[in-house]
Amino acid sequence: MKQTFLKAVLLPALVACLSGCEGMQGRPERKKLPQLTADESWEGRPAAGTGHEQYPETFYAYHDTLISGRTYVAVQLQKPTLDTVAMALANAYEPLAGNFLAMLRQQGKSGILIDLRSPGQETAQQAGFQVQHDSGSSLPVVFVWDRYSAARAALLIRRLEQATSIRVTSLKTDF
């Protein structure tokens, strides 16, 4: 009787449980990134080229330039809306100024050029400073600005002069 009960009740229940489970169905579909070229903020260009920038615009540009035959690190800060970011970075990395100046010297750089001019502006004013760290590392820092960025230049120069880990030792006007 027990065996009949087991066959009559448990066997159909076991079959129902096993047939109710469909088993593994394979992997679920992966999430995909959106098309970058469909984003309006991305200025991609076709292979033939249209003269547009290929990469999204950043708030600064960093490259080497020559001044009087010497290699300077040029940093372009054209967007005044992001000056707070630049000031926050300057405050955060001020303790590393000596290491930074020494590293630039080891790389063969003769100074730093900070260009605040707006795009397309050719007339510019400039001011240069000899910056020396307590460790003995020193480099000239040259600021270049136009009439639209004069207030920004004054703010950054004042910040440079107020830095505690460096000294502005001399003002240079010929570059």
Protein backbone atom coordinates (compact mmCIF):
# COMPACT_ATOMS: atom_id res chain seq x y z
CA MET A 1 0.00 0.00 0.00
CA LYS A 2 2.81 2.30 0.83
CA GLN A 3 4.48 1.64 -2.48
CA THR A 4 1.29 2.28 -4.39
CA PHE A 5 0.81 5.55 -2.52
CA LEU A 6 4.38 6.57 -3.28
CA LYS A 7 3.95 5.70 -6.95
CA ALA A 8 0.56 7.37 -7.22
CA VAL A 9 1.37 10.64 -5.44
CA LEU A 10 5.09 11.22 -5.34
CA LEU A 11 5.93 10.09 -8.86
CA PRO A 12 3.53 12.55 -10.56
CA ALA A 13 4.70 15.30 -8.15
CA LEU A 14 8.31 14.57 -9.05
CA VAL A 15 7.50 14.60 -12.77
CA ALA A 16 5.60 17.89 -12.38
CA CYS A 17 8.50 19.50 -10.52
CA LEU A 18 11.06 18.37 -13.04
CA SER A 19 9.00 19.38 -16.06
CA GLY A 20 8.17 22.73 -14.46
CA CYS A 21 11.84 23.68 -14.32
CA GLU A 22 12.95 24.65 -17.79
CA GLY A 23 16.61 24.44 -16.96
CA MET A 24 19.35 26.81 -18.08
CA GLN A 25 18.38 29.19 -20.87
CA GLY A 26 21.79 30.57 -21.71
CA ARG A 27 23.22 33.89 -20.76
CA PRO A 28 21.06 36.98 -20.42
CA GLU A 29 21.59 39.73 -22.98
CA ARG A 30 24.42 42.10 -22.04
CA LYS A 31 23.84 45.76 -21.47
CA LYS A 32 25.40 47.88 -24.17
CA LEU A 33 26.90 51.35 -24.05
CA PRO A 34 25.04 54.05 -25.96
CA GLN A 35 26.48 55.11 -29.29
CA LEU A 36 29.00 57.85 -28.56
CA THR A 37 28.52 59.42 -31.98
CA ALA A 38 24.81 59.84 -31.30
CA ASP A 39 25.56 62.18 -28.39
CA GLU A 40 25.38 65.80 -29.50
CA SER A 41 28.16 66.86 -27.14
CA TRP A 42 30.61 64.55 -28.92
CA GLU A 43 32.16 66.13 -31.98
CA GLY A 44 33.32 63.10 -33.86
CA ARG A 45 34.40 63.30 -37.47
CA PRO A 46 34.26 60.96 -40.41
CA ALA A 47 37.43 59.33 -41.71
CA ALA A 48 37.75 61.92 -44.50
CA GLY A 49 37.77 64.73 -41.93
CA THR A 50 35.69 67.88 -41.72
CA GLY A 51 37.96 70.04 -39.60
CA HIS A 52 36.04 69.44 -36.36
CA GLU A 53 37.70 68.28 -33.17
CA GLN A 54 37.78 64.53 -32.82
CA TYR A 55 37.71 64.50 -29.02
CA PRO A 56 35.44 66.28 -26.54
CA GLU A 57 36.71 69.67 -25.41
CA THR A 58 38.46 69.83 -22.04
CA PHE A 59 38.87 72.84 -19.81
CA TYR A 60 42.62 72.97 -20.34
CA ALA A 61 45.22 72.10 -22.94
CA TYR A 62 48.76 70.96 -22.14
CA HIS A 63 51.65 70.98 -24.61
CA ASP A 64 55.26 72.10 -25.04
CA THR A 65 56.20 75.39 -26.68
CA LEU A 66 59.40 77.31 -27.38
CA ILE A 67 60.15 80.70 -25.86
CA SER A 68 63.47 82.22 -26.87
CA GLY A 69 64.67 78.79 -27.95
CA ARG A 70 63.86 77.14 -24.61
CA THR A 71 61.16 74.52 -24.05
CA TYR A 72 58.30 75.60 -21.80
CA VAL A 73 55.28 73.61 -20.65
CA ALA A 74 52.28 75.53 -21.95
CA VAL A 75 48.96 75.21 -20.13
CA GLN A 76 45.97 76.86 -21.79
CA LEU A 77 43.06 77.73 -19.51
CA GLN A 78 40.55 79.30 -21.88
CA LYS A 79 37.30 78.63 -20.01
CA PRO A 80 36.72 81.09 -17.17
CA THR A 81 33.77 79.05 -15.91
CA LEU A 82 36.16 76.37 -14.67
CA ASP A 83 38.62 78.60 -12.82
CA THR A 84 37.33 77.24 -9.52
CA VAL A 85 38.49 73.78 -10.63
CA ALA A 86 41.92 75.16 -11.52
CA MET A 87 42.19 76.93 -8.15
CA ALA A 88 41.12 73.79 -6.28
CA LEU A 89 43.80 71.80 -8.11
CA ALA A 90 46.41 74.46 -7.32
CA ASN A 91 45.47 74.34 -3.63
CA ALA A 92 45.47 70.55 -3.52
CA TYR A 93 48.85 70.13 -5.23
CA GLU A 94 50.70 73.06 -3.61
CA PRO A 95 52.55 70.75 -1.16
CA LEU A 96 54.01 68.91 -4.17
CA ALA A 97 55.32 72.06 -5.88
CA GLY A 98 58.98 71.26 -5.20
CA ASN A 99 58.66 67.78 -6.68
CA PHE A 100 56.80 69.18 -9.68
CA LEU A 101 59.46 71.83 -10.38
CA ALA A 102 62.25 69.25 -10.04
CA MET A 103 60.42 66.84 -12.34
CA LEU A 104 60.01 69.51 -15.02
CA ARG A 105 63.72 70.31 -14.81
CA GLN A 106 64.59 66.61 -15.19
CA GLN A 107 62.41 66.47 -18.30
CA GLY A 108 64.36 69.34 -19.83
CA LYS A 109 61.66 71.99 -19.42
CA SER A 110 62.84 75.55 -18.91
CA GLY A 111 59.62 76.99 -17.49
CA ILE A 112 55.83 77.09 -17.40
CA LEU A 113 53.59 79.22 -19.63
CA ILE A 114 50.02 79.77 -18.44
CA ASP A 115 47.89 81.06 -21.33
CA LEU A 116 44.55 82.57 -20.30
CA ARG A 117 43.72 84.16 -23.66
CA SER A 118 40.34 83.65 -25.27
CA PRO A 119 40.31 81.77 -28.58
CA GLY A 120 41.10 84.04 -31.51
CA GLN A 121 42.65 86.84 -29.45
CA GLU A 122 46.06 87.89 -30.73
CA THR A 123 46.87 90.92 -28.59
CA ALA A 124 48.15 89.87 -25.21
CA GLN A 125 49.82 91.07 -22.07
CA GLN A 126 52.31 89.01 -20.13
CA ALA A 127 54.05 88.84 -16.80
CA GLY A 128 56.83 86.51 -15.76
CA PHE A 129 57.96 85.35 -12.36
CA GLN A 130 60.89 83.30 -11.12
CA VAL A 131 59.37 80.76 -8.75
CA GLN A 132 61.61 78.98 -6.25
CA HIS A 133 60.73 76.18 -3.87
CA ASP A 134 62.35 75.73 -0.46
CA SER A 135 64.10 72.62 -1.83
CA GLY A 136 66.02 74.82 -4.28
CA SER A 137 64.08 73.93 -7.44
CA SER A 138 63.17 76.98 -9.48
CA LEU A 139 61.55 77.75 -12.83
CA PRO A 140 60.15 80.82 -14.54
CA VAL A 141 56.37 81.01 -14.75
CA VAL A 142 54.95 83.21 -17.52
CA PHE A 143 51.32 84.36 -17.56
CA VAL A 144 49.78 85.49 -20.86
CA TRP A 145 46.30 87.05 -20.99
CA ASP A 146 44.08 89.30 -23.08
CA ARG A 147 41.69 92.06 -22.06
CA TYR A 148 38.91 89.54 -21.41
CA SER A 149 40.99 87.47 -19.01
CA ALA A 150 42.83 90.26 -17.14
CA ALA A 151 40.87 89.70 -13.91
CA ARG A 152 41.55 85.96 -14.08
CA ALA A 153 45.27 86.60 -14.56
CA ALA A 154 45.34 88.94 -11.57
CA LEU A 155 43.62 86.29 -9.43
CA LEU A 156 46.04 83.53 -10.46
CA ILE A 157 49.10 85.76 -10.02
CA ARG A 158 47.89 86.76 -6.55
CA ARG A 159 47.40 83.06 -5.72
CA LEU A 160 50.94 82.32 -6.92
CA GLU A 161 52.35 85.08 -4.72
CA GLN A 162 50.39 83.84 -1.68
CA ALA A 163 51.59 80.23 -1.93
CA THR A 164 53.43 79.22 1.23
CA SER A 165 55.64 76.50 -0.23
CA ILE A 166 57.18 78.67 -2.99
CA ARG A 167 58.73 82.12 -3.26
CA VAL A 168 58.38 84.52 -6.15
CA THR A 169 61.95 85.80 -6.27
CA SER A 170 62.03 88.07 -9.29
CA LEU A 171 59.82 89.64 -11.88
CA LYS A 172 60.97 89.06 -15.43
CA THR A 173 59.65 91.04 -18.37
CA ASP A 174 61.76 89.82 -21.30
CA PHE A 175 60.90 86.41 -22.72
